[in-house]
Amino acid sequence: MRLLAVRDRCAPIVTNRAQIRGWTDKAAAMLPCMARPPNDELAPALLKGLVASQSFKMVLSSACLLAGVTHIAFAVLFYQSQVVAMSWVNVGSVLTYVLAAALLRRDQVAAGMFVMIFEVAAHAILAVITVGWESGFHYYLLIVIPVFLANQVNKWPFKIAFATTLTVSYVALDWYLRKATPMFEMSATTLAYLHRFNLVTTIAILSGLTVLYVHLITQAEARLHELATTDSLTGLMNRRCMLDALAREQALRQRKPHPSTVLLVDIDHFKKLNDTFGHNMGDWALKAVAEVLKNGVREMDFVARWGGEEFLIVLPHASIEGARPVAERLRLSISELRFPANDHPLRVSATLGLTEMGIGEEADQAIQRADAALYKGKSEGRNQVVVSSAPVLQHA
């Protein structure tokens, strides 16, 4: 069970990520280093800002939609209450949110955000001046503060200064406009209805945007975890994730000794394949071999792209006698692969180096031994499994 937990930790996240896969993949595509296994550790740090920015953009887009629908309702309400000026103000607000949505669609997040802030502030102040503080339109100013603090565009000193300014302004408006006489006297019933509606709407919008933002960030973290622990081309564990799995497997073997084998797989003549048929065919071969390896081992086994055209497989609870048939089966399956184009008669083959890990032995030592066995197979004709004898240390 603990081995499966390690695999689950390093395996791709497969639940509830459809909403953000598109733009996280787009963000990853902006970083060519993501395709290179040695730079996998760099990916989360580089993508974190992009992911947070896209999450914030989606929150603003949702806010545009909610605000647009709300202002349409207000336009109808003010028209029926014969406050025609405010009805037209709400029509203008809807158009302002259309503009903000267009800016967000063009990735002009800062411009879209400030257009929305201007609309909220101007609309709230105009509404309070027109129908009075008791209408509750000032509550919408409170939405701006947490939303602005969550943005990824501005630095924290500016965000804190802006939020502080807005808070002071809100208190000043409360002090001045609460006692001011509104331009239009609404009935007490209508005013009470407006107050409750605005209060509930403010709470609902804040809650909805918070839940949405947390959901997006959670899904983005899951996607980033996937990008950080899997090879972008083959979908297998990457080198860093395999090292993590090896360390955990080694710790388990120290507490409860059991046999484990290491299998290093290298595609034969890969450079020639790339040079002759192009990198597209090389990528196809990598993905096809990765699929064979993934489907040819147990659920508890670890399969990773180790680097370039090399793959590393760790078979816990498997002796070298039990792993040899597995290695031969994998070699045979790889040799049966055919290129997708009819004009490419070339076949894919691989050489495999197999060894057993000794108790107390570092994983690097076993990998070096498997690597030596692999290169022995390369020098002896390729397309074969070469077994390296286990160290003197015996497993229990």
Protein backbone atom coordinates (compact mmCIF):
# COMPACT_ATOMS: atom_id res chain seq x y z
CA MET A 1 0.00 0.00 0.00
CA ARG A 2 2.85 2.39 0.81
CA LEU A 3 4.44 1.68 -2.57
CA LEU A 4 1.17 2.51 -4.28
CA ALA A 5 1.02 5.73 -2.28
CA VAL A 6 4.44 6.70 -3.63
CA ARG A 7 3.27 5.99 -7.15
CA ASP A 8 0.07 7.98 -6.61
CA ARG A 9 2.14 10.91 -5.36
CA CYS A 10 4.25 10.94 -8.50
CA ALA A 11 1.63 9.87 -11.02
CA PRO A 12 -0.32 12.43 -13.08
CA ILE A 13 -3.35 14.00 -11.44
CA VAL A 14 -6.41 12.78 -13.33
CA THR A 15 -9.38 14.28 -11.54
CA ASN A 16 -11.25 17.49 -12.26
CA ARG A 17 -8.59 19.26 -14.30
CA ALA A 18 -10.36 19.74 -17.65
CA GLN A 19 -11.14 23.40 -16.90
CA ILE A 20 -7.53 24.44 -16.48
CA ARG A 21 -5.62 21.96 -18.66
CA GLY A 22 -5.87 24.19 -21.70
CA TRP A 23 -4.26 27.27 -20.23
CA THR A 24 -1.73 25.41 -18.09
CA ASP A 25 -0.60 23.57 -21.21
CA LYS A 26 -0.46 26.91 -23.01
CA ALA A 27 1.65 28.31 -20.19
CA ALA A 28 3.92 25.27 -20.30
CA ALA A 29 4.29 25.68 -24.06
CA MET A 30 5.73 29.13 -23.39
CA LEU A 31 8.61 27.46 -21.56
CA PRO A 32 10.71 25.36 -23.96
CA CYS A 33 12.68 24.03 -21.01
CA MET A 34 9.64 21.99 -20.01
CA ALA A 35 10.46 19.52 -22.78
CA ARG A 36 13.91 18.88 -21.33
CA PRO A 37 14.00 16.48 -18.37
CA PRO A 38 17.11 18.08 -16.71
CA ASN A 39 15.14 21.28 -16.17
CA ASP A 40 12.04 19.71 -14.63
CA GLU A 41 12.78 21.34 -11.27
CA LEU A 42 12.51 24.75 -12.91
CA ALA A 43 9.00 24.22 -14.24
CA PRO A 44 6.89 24.82 -11.07
CA ALA A 45 8.68 28.06 -10.20
CA LEU A 46 8.34 29.44 -13.71
CA LEU A 47 4.74 28.39 -14.13
CA LYS A 48 3.45 29.42 -10.71
CA GLY A 49 3.04 33.07 -11.64
CA LEU A 50 1.42 32.23 -14.98
CA VAL A 51 -1.04 29.84 -13.36
CA ALA A 52 -2.02 32.32 -10.62
CA SER A 53 -2.44 35.06 -13.23
CA GLN A 54 -4.72 32.89 -15.35
CA SER A 55 -6.76 31.90 -12.28
CA PHE A 56 -7.23 35.57 -11.40
CA LYS A 57 -8.20 36.33 -15.00
CA MET A 58 -10.91 33.65 -14.86
CA VAL A 59 -12.20 35.10 -11.56
CA LEU A 60 -12.46 38.56 -13.15
CA SER A 61 -14.21 37.13 -16.19
CA SER A 62 -16.76 35.44 -13.95
CA ALA A 63 -17.18 38.69 -12.02
CA CYS A 64 -17.88 40.50 -15.31
CA LEU A 65 -20.67 38.08 -16.11
CA LEU A 66 -22.21 38.30 -12.62
CA ALA A 67 -21.98 42.09 -12.58
CA GLY A 68 -23.47 42.42 -16.06
CA VAL A 69 -26.50 40.32 -15.13
CA THR A 70 -26.92 42.23 -11.84
CA HIS A 71 -26.82 45.63 -13.57
CA ILE A 72 -29.40 44.53 -16.14
CA ALA A 73 -31.71 43.72 -13.21
CA PHE A 74 -30.95 47.10 -11.63
CA ALA A 75 -31.66 48.90 -14.92
CA VAL A 76 -35.13 47.33 -15.03
CA LEU A 77 -35.73 48.06 -11.32
CA PHE A 78 -34.75 51.75 -11.58
CA TYR A 79 -36.79 52.17 -14.75
CA GLN A 80 -39.86 50.76 -13.01
CA SER A 81 -39.15 53.05 -10.03
CA GLN A 82 -39.01 56.01 -12.46
CA VAL A 83 -35.37 56.75 -11.64
CA VAL A 84 -34.55 56.90 -15.34
CA ALA A 85 -31.11 58.45 -14.89
CA MET A 86 -29.91 55.51 -12.78
CA SER A 87 -31.48 53.13 -15.26
CA TRP A 88 -29.24 54.56 -17.97
CA VAL A 89 -26.28 54.49 -15.59
CA ASN A 90 -26.80 50.73 -15.24
CA VAL A 91 -26.96 50.35 -19.02
CA GLY A 92 -23.62 52.15 -19.14
CA SER A 93 -22.31 49.79 -16.44
CA VAL A 94 -23.26 46.76 -18.53
CA LEU A 95 -21.35 48.23 -21.50
CA THR A 96 -18.38 48.91 -19.20
CA TYR A 97 -18.29 45.27 -18.17
CA VAL A 98 -18.45 44.24 -21.82
CA LEU A 99 -15.36 46.40 -22.36
CA ALA A 100 -13.64 44.83 -19.33
CA ALA A 101 -14.45 41.33 -20.60
CA ALA A 102 -12.98 42.22 -24.00
CA LEU A 103 -9.77 43.46 -22.34
CA LEU A 104 -9.52 40.28 -20.28
CA ARG A 105 -10.02 38.20 -23.40
CA ARG A 106 -7.01 39.98 -24.93
CA ASP A 107 -5.00 39.16 -21.77
CA GLN A 108 -4.95 42.82 -20.72
CA VAL A 109 -5.71 41.82 -17.14
CA ALA A 110 -4.51 45.02 -15.46
CA ALA A 111 -6.57 47.25 -17.77
CA GLY A 112 -9.67 45.06 -17.39
CA MET A 113 -9.32 45.01 -13.60
CA PHE A 114 -9.03 48.80 -13.29
CA VAL A 115 -11.99 49.34 -15.63
CA MET A 116 -14.03 47.10 -13.33
CA ILE A 117 -12.79 48.92 -10.21
CA PHE A 118 -13.68 52.28 -11.74
CA GLU A 119 -17.15 51.05 -12.63
CA VAL A 120 -17.84 49.62 -9.17
CA ALA A 121 -16.64 52.76 -7.39
CA ALA A 122 -18.41 55.23 -9.73
CA HIS A 123 -21.64 53.25 -9.80
CA ALA A 124 -21.76 52.77 -6.02
CA ILE A 125 -21.14 56.46 -5.31
CA LEU A 126 -23.68 57.64 -7.93
CA ALA A 127 -26.29 55.20 -6.65
CA VAL A 128 -25.80 56.26 -3.02
CA ILE A 129 -25.97 59.95 -3.94
CA THR A 130 -29.12 59.32 -5.98
CA VAL A 131 -31.16 57.04 -3.70
CA GLY A 132 -29.34 57.25 -0.36
CA TRP A 133 -26.90 55.35 1.81
CA GLU A 134 -29.64 53.06 3.13
CA SER A 135 -30.03 51.53 -0.33
CA GLY A 136 -26.90 49.50 0.38
CA PHE A 137 -25.14 50.14 -2.95
CA HIS A 138 -21.98 51.04 -1.02
CA TYR A 139 -21.55 47.37 -0.11
CA TYR A 140 -20.20 46.70 -3.59
CA LEU A 141 -17.13 48.78 -2.77
CA LEU A 142 -16.19 46.09 -0.25
CA ILE A 143 -15.91 43.52 -3.05
CA VAL A 144 -13.09 45.47 -4.66
CA ILE A 145 -10.68 45.15 -1.71
CA PRO A 146 -10.23 41.31 -1.51
CA VAL A 147 -10.40 40.96 -5.30
CA PHE A 148 -7.70 43.60 -5.79
CA LEU A 149 -5.50 42.06 -3.10
CA ALA A 150 -5.71 38.69 -4.92
CA ASN A 151 -4.47 40.09 -8.25
CA GLN A 152 -1.12 38.97 -9.64
CA VAL A 153 -0.47 42.14 -11.65
CA ASN A 154 0.55 44.61 -8.96
CA LYS A 155 3.19 44.35 -6.26
CA TRP A 156 2.20 44.05 -2.61
CA PRO A 157 3.21 47.61 -1.56
CA PHE A 158 0.89 49.06 -4.21
CA LYS A 159 -1.90 46.61 -3.37
CA ILE A 160 -1.74 47.42 0.34
CA ALA A 161 -1.63 51.16 -0.37
CA PHE A 162 -4.60 50.92 -2.73
CA ALA A 163 -6.64 48.78 -0.32
CA THR A 164 -5.86 51.20 2.52
CA THR A 165 -6.91 54.19 0.40
CA LEU A 166 -10.14 52.47 -0.55
CA THR A 167 -10.87 51.59 3.08
CA VAL A 168 -10.30 55.17 4.23
CA SER A 169 -12.46 56.44 1.36
CA TYR A 170 -15.23 54.04 2.30
CA VAL A 171 -15.19 55.23 5.91
CA ALA A 172 -15.25 58.87 4.71
CA LEU A 173 -18.21 58.14 2.42
CA ASP A 174 -19.99 56.43 5.29
CA TRP A 175 -19.46 59.49 7.47
CA TYR A 176 -20.55 61.99 4.80
CA LEU A 177 -23.19 60.25 2.66
CA ARG A 178 -25.01 58.45 5.49
CA LYS A 179 -26.35 61.86 6.63
CA ALA A 180 -26.78 63.35 3.14
CA THR A 181 -30.20 63.83 1.59
CA PRO A 182 -30.60 61.64 -1.53
CA MET A 183 -31.55 63.21 -4.86
CA PHE A 184 -34.47 60.83 -5.22
CA GLU A 185 -36.70 59.76 -2.33
CA MET A 186 -37.71 56.11 -2.70
CA SER A 187 -40.43 54.50 -0.63
CA ALA A 188 -39.32 52.86 2.61
CA THR A 189 -40.44 49.46 1.31
CA THR A 190 -38.43 49.76 -1.92
CA LEU A 191 -35.41 51.10 -0.03
CA ALA A 192 -35.52 48.19 2.43
CA TYR A 193 -35.81 45.75 -0.47
CA LEU A 194 -32.81 47.34 -2.19
CA HIS A 195 -30.77 47.25 1.01
CA ARG A 196 -31.41 43.55 1.62
CA PHE A 197 -30.90 42.69 -2.05
CA ASN A 198 -27.55 44.52 -2.20
CA LEU A 199 -26.37 43.00 1.07
CA VAL A 200 -27.23 39.45 0.00
CA THR A 201 -25.80 40.01 -3.49
CA THR A 202 -22.53 41.35 -2.07
CA ILE A 203 -22.15 38.33 0.22
CA ALA A 204 -23.06 35.96 -2.63
CA ILE A 205 -20.57 37.53 -5.06
CA LEU A 206 -17.75 37.53 -2.50
CA SER A 207 -18.46 33.92 -1.54
CA GLY A 208 -18.79 32.78 -5.14
CA LEU A 209 -15.59 34.46 -6.28
CA THR A 210 -13.70 33.08 -3.27
CA VAL A 211 -14.89 29.53 -3.90
CA LEU A 212 -14.08 29.85 -7.61
CA TYR A 213 -10.59 31.21 -6.93
CA VAL A 214 -9.79 28.48 -4.38
CA HIS A 215 -11.09 25.86 -6.82
CA LEU A 216 -8.96 27.20 -9.67
CA ILE A 217 -5.85 27.42 -7.52
CA THR A 218 -6.39 23.88 -6.23
CA GLN A 219 -6.76 22.53 -9.75
CA ALA A 220 -3.77 24.57 -10.91
CA GLU A 221 -1.64 23.14 -8.11
CA ALA A 222 -2.67 19.64 -9.17
CA ARG A 223 -1.73 20.41 -12.77
CA LEU A 224 1.59 21.92 -11.70
CA HIS A 225 2.28 18.80 -9.68
CA GLU A 226 1.68 16.77 -12.80
CA LEU A 227 3.98 18.97 -14.87
CA ALA A 228 6.66 18.77 -12.19
CA THR A 229 6.57 14.99 -11.79
CA THR A 230 5.92 13.69 -15.31
CA ASP A 231 7.81 13.81 -18.56
CA SER A 232 5.97 16.14 -20.92
CA LEU A 233 6.45 13.95 -24.01
CA THR A 234 5.82 10.42 -22.76
CA GLY A 235 3.63 11.03 -19.71
CA LEU A 236 5.89 8.80 -17.58
CA MET A 237 7.47 9.78 -14.29
CA ASN A 238 10.38 12.13 -14.81
CA ARG A 239 13.87 11.79 -13.36
CA ARG A 240 13.15 13.83 -10.24
CA CYS A 241 10.03 11.84 -9.41
CA MET A 242 11.87 8.56 -9.95
CA LEU A 243 14.65 9.66 -7.58
CA ASP A 244 11.98 10.40 -4.99
CA ALA A 245 10.41 6.98 -5.52
CA LEU A 246 13.82 5.28 -5.32
CA ALA A 247 14.57 6.99 -2.01
CA ARG A 248 11.27 5.82 -0.56
CA GLU A 249 11.75 2.30 -1.89
CA GLN A 250 15.22 2.20 -0.39
CA ALA A 251 13.84 3.31 3.00
CA LEU A 252 11.18 0.58 2.83
CA ARG A 253 13.81 -2.05 2.00
CA GLN A 254 15.90 -1.00 4.97
CA ARG A 255 12.96 -1.42 7.35
CA LYS A 256 11.68 -4.61 5.75
CA PRO A 257 14.23 -6.25 3.42
CA HIS A 258 12.89 -7.53 0.13
CA PRO A 259 14.34 -8.03 -3.36
CA SER A 260 14.04 -5.24 -5.92
CA THR A 261 15.42 -5.05 -9.43
CA VAL A 262 16.44 -2.16 -11.64
CA LEU A 263 15.96 -2.22 -15.40
CA LEU A 264 17.57 0.36 -17.68
CA VAL A 265 16.16 0.56 -21.23
CA ASP A 266 17.85 2.36 -24.13
CA ILE A 267 16.40 2.67 -27.65
CA ASP A 268 18.87 1.37 -30.23
CA HIS A 269 20.23 3.70 -32.93
CA PHE A 270 18.08 6.57 -31.69
CA LYS A 271 20.38 9.31 -33.02
CA LYS A 272 20.35 7.71 -36.45
CA LEU A 273 16.57 7.47 -36.24
CA ASN A 274 16.32 11.20 -35.53
CA ASP A 275 18.83 12.15 -38.20
CA THR A 276 17.26 9.96 -40.88
CA PHE A 277 13.55 10.38 -40.28
CA GLY A 278 13.35 13.60 -38.26
CA HIS A 279 12.48 14.44 -34.68
CA ASN A 280 8.79 13.70 -35.21
CA MET A 281 9.61 10.05 -35.77
CA GLY A 282 11.98 10.15 -32.82
CA ASP A 283 9.20 11.49 -30.62
CA TRP A 284 6.86 8.81 -31.92
CA ALA A 285 9.40 6.13 -30.99
CA LEU A 286 9.83 7.56 -27.48
CA LYS A 287 6.08 7.66 -26.89
CA ALA A 288 5.53 4.19 -28.36
CA VAL A 289 8.28 2.63 -26.24
CA ALA A 290 7.00 4.45 -23.15
CA GLU A 291 3.54 2.98 -23.77
CA VAL A 292 4.99 -0.52 -24.07
CA LEU A 293 6.94 -0.15 -20.83
CA LYS A 294 4.00 1.33 -18.92
CA ASN A 295 1.62 -1.42 -20.03
CA GLY A 296 4.16 -4.20 -19.59
CA VAL A 297 4.78 -3.91 -15.84
CA ARG A 298 2.72 -4.15 -12.68
CA GLU A 299 0.77 -1.31 -11.11
CA MET A 300 3.24 -1.20 -8.22
CA ASP A 301 6.30 -0.83 -10.48
CA PHE A 302 7.93 2.50 -11.31
CA VAL A 303 8.60 3.56 -14.90
CA ALA A 304 10.37 6.82 -15.75
CA ARG A 305 11.97 8.56 -18.66
CA TRP A 306 15.50 8.73 -17.30
CA GLY A 307 16.92 11.05 -19.95
CA GLY A 308 17.04 11.27 -23.74
CA GLU A 309 16.17 7.84 -25.12
CA GLU A 310 16.76 6.03 -21.79
CA PHE A 311 14.04 4.70 -19.49
CA LEU A 312 14.42 3.39 -15.95
CA ILE A 313 12.15 0.75 -14.41
CA VAL A 314 12.17 -0.31 -10.76
CA LEU A 315 10.47 -3.60 -9.88
CA PRO A 316 9.90 -3.81 -6.11
CA HIS A 317 9.49 -7.28 -4.58
CA ALA A 318 10.97 -8.89 -7.68
CA SER A 319 14.14 -10.95 -7.74
CA ILE A 320 16.41 -11.01 -10.74
CA GLU A 321 14.98 -14.42 -11.71
CA GLY A 322 11.46 -13.02 -11.70
CA ALA A 323 12.42 -9.83 -13.51
CA ARG A 324 14.31 -11.50 -16.39
CA PRO A 325 11.13 -12.77 -18.16
CA VAL A 326 9.56 -9.33 -17.74
CA ALA A 327 12.60 -7.69 -19.37
CA GLU A 328 12.53 -10.18 -22.25
CA ARG A 329 8.82 -9.59 -22.78
CA LEU A 330 9.36 -5.84 -22.89
CA ARG A 331 12.25 -6.21 -25.35
CA LEU A 332 10.14 -8.39 -27.63
CA SER A 333 7.17 -5.98 -27.49
CA ILE A 334 9.42 -3.05 -28.41
CA SER A 335 10.89 -4.98 -31.34
CA GLU A 336 7.37 -5.54 -32.67
CA LEU A 337 6.70 -1.81 -32.96
CA ARG A 338 6.27 -0.53 -36.50
CA PHE A 339 6.59 3.01 -37.82
CA PRO A 340 3.21 4.59 -38.66
CA ALA A 341 4.24 5.41 -42.27
CA ASN A 342 4.42 2.68 -44.89
CA ASP A 343 7.60 4.08 -46.43
CA HIS A 344 9.56 3.52 -43.22
CA PRO A 345 10.53 -0.17 -43.05
CA LEU A 346 12.76 0.48 -40.03
CA ARG A 347 11.83 -1.21 -36.81
CA VAL A 348 12.40 -0.07 -33.25
CA SER A 349 14.53 -2.11 -30.87
CA ALA A 350 16.01 -1.57 -27.44
CA THR A 351 18.80 -2.89 -25.26
CA LEU A 352 18.08 -3.55 -21.60
CA GLY A 353 20.40 -3.77 -18.60
CA LEU A 354 19.05 -5.64 -15.57
CA THR A 355 20.39 -5.91 -12.03
CA GLU A 356 19.19 -6.55 -8.49
CA MET A 357 19.60 -4.04 -5.71
CA GLY A 358 21.50 -5.18 -2.64
CA ILE A 359 20.28 -4.51 0.88
CA GLY A 360 21.89 -1.29 2.10
CA GLU A 361 23.08 -0.46 -1.39
CA GLU A 362 22.56 3.03 -2.76
CA ALA A 363 20.22 3.20 -5.74
CA ASP A 364 22.93 4.93 -7.78
CA GLN A 365 25.15 1.88 -7.48
CA ALA A 366 22.47 -0.43 -8.83
CA ILE A 367 21.70 2.00 -11.67
CA GLN A 368 25.40 2.19 -12.58
CA ARG A 369 25.56 -1.59 -12.68
CA ALA A 370 22.46 -1.76 -14.90
CA ASP A 371 24.02 0.93 -17.10
CA ALA A 372 27.21 -1.10 -17.47
CA ALA A 373 25.15 -4.16 -18.42
CA LEU A 374 23.21 -2.08 -20.95
CA TYR A 375 26.36 -0.82 -22.67
CA LYS A 376 27.72 -4.33 -22.73
CA GLY A 377 24.59 -5.30 -24.65
CA LYS A 378 25.13 -2.35 -26.99
CA SER A 379 28.65 -3.49 -27.77
CA GLU A 380 27.49 -7.08 -28.35
CA GLY A 381 24.89 -6.28 -31.00
CA ARG A 382 21.99 -4.50 -29.24
CA ASN A 383 18.34 -5.68 -29.00
CA GLN A 384 19.00 -7.92 -26.01
CA VAL A 385 18.70 -8.16 -22.24
CA VAL A 386 21.96 -8.25 -20.31
CA VAL A 387 21.91 -9.22 -16.65
CA SER A 388 24.45 -7.87 -14.21
CA SER A 389 25.15 -10.00 -11.15
CA ALA A 390 23.86 -8.67 -7.86
CA PRO A 391 26.36 -7.39 -5.25
CA VAL A 392 27.65 -9.62 -2.52
CA LEU A 393 25.08 -8.25 -0.08
CA GLN A 394 22.22 -10.72 0.11
CA HIS A 395 18.58 -9.89 0.59
CA ALA A 396 16.60 -11.56 3.34
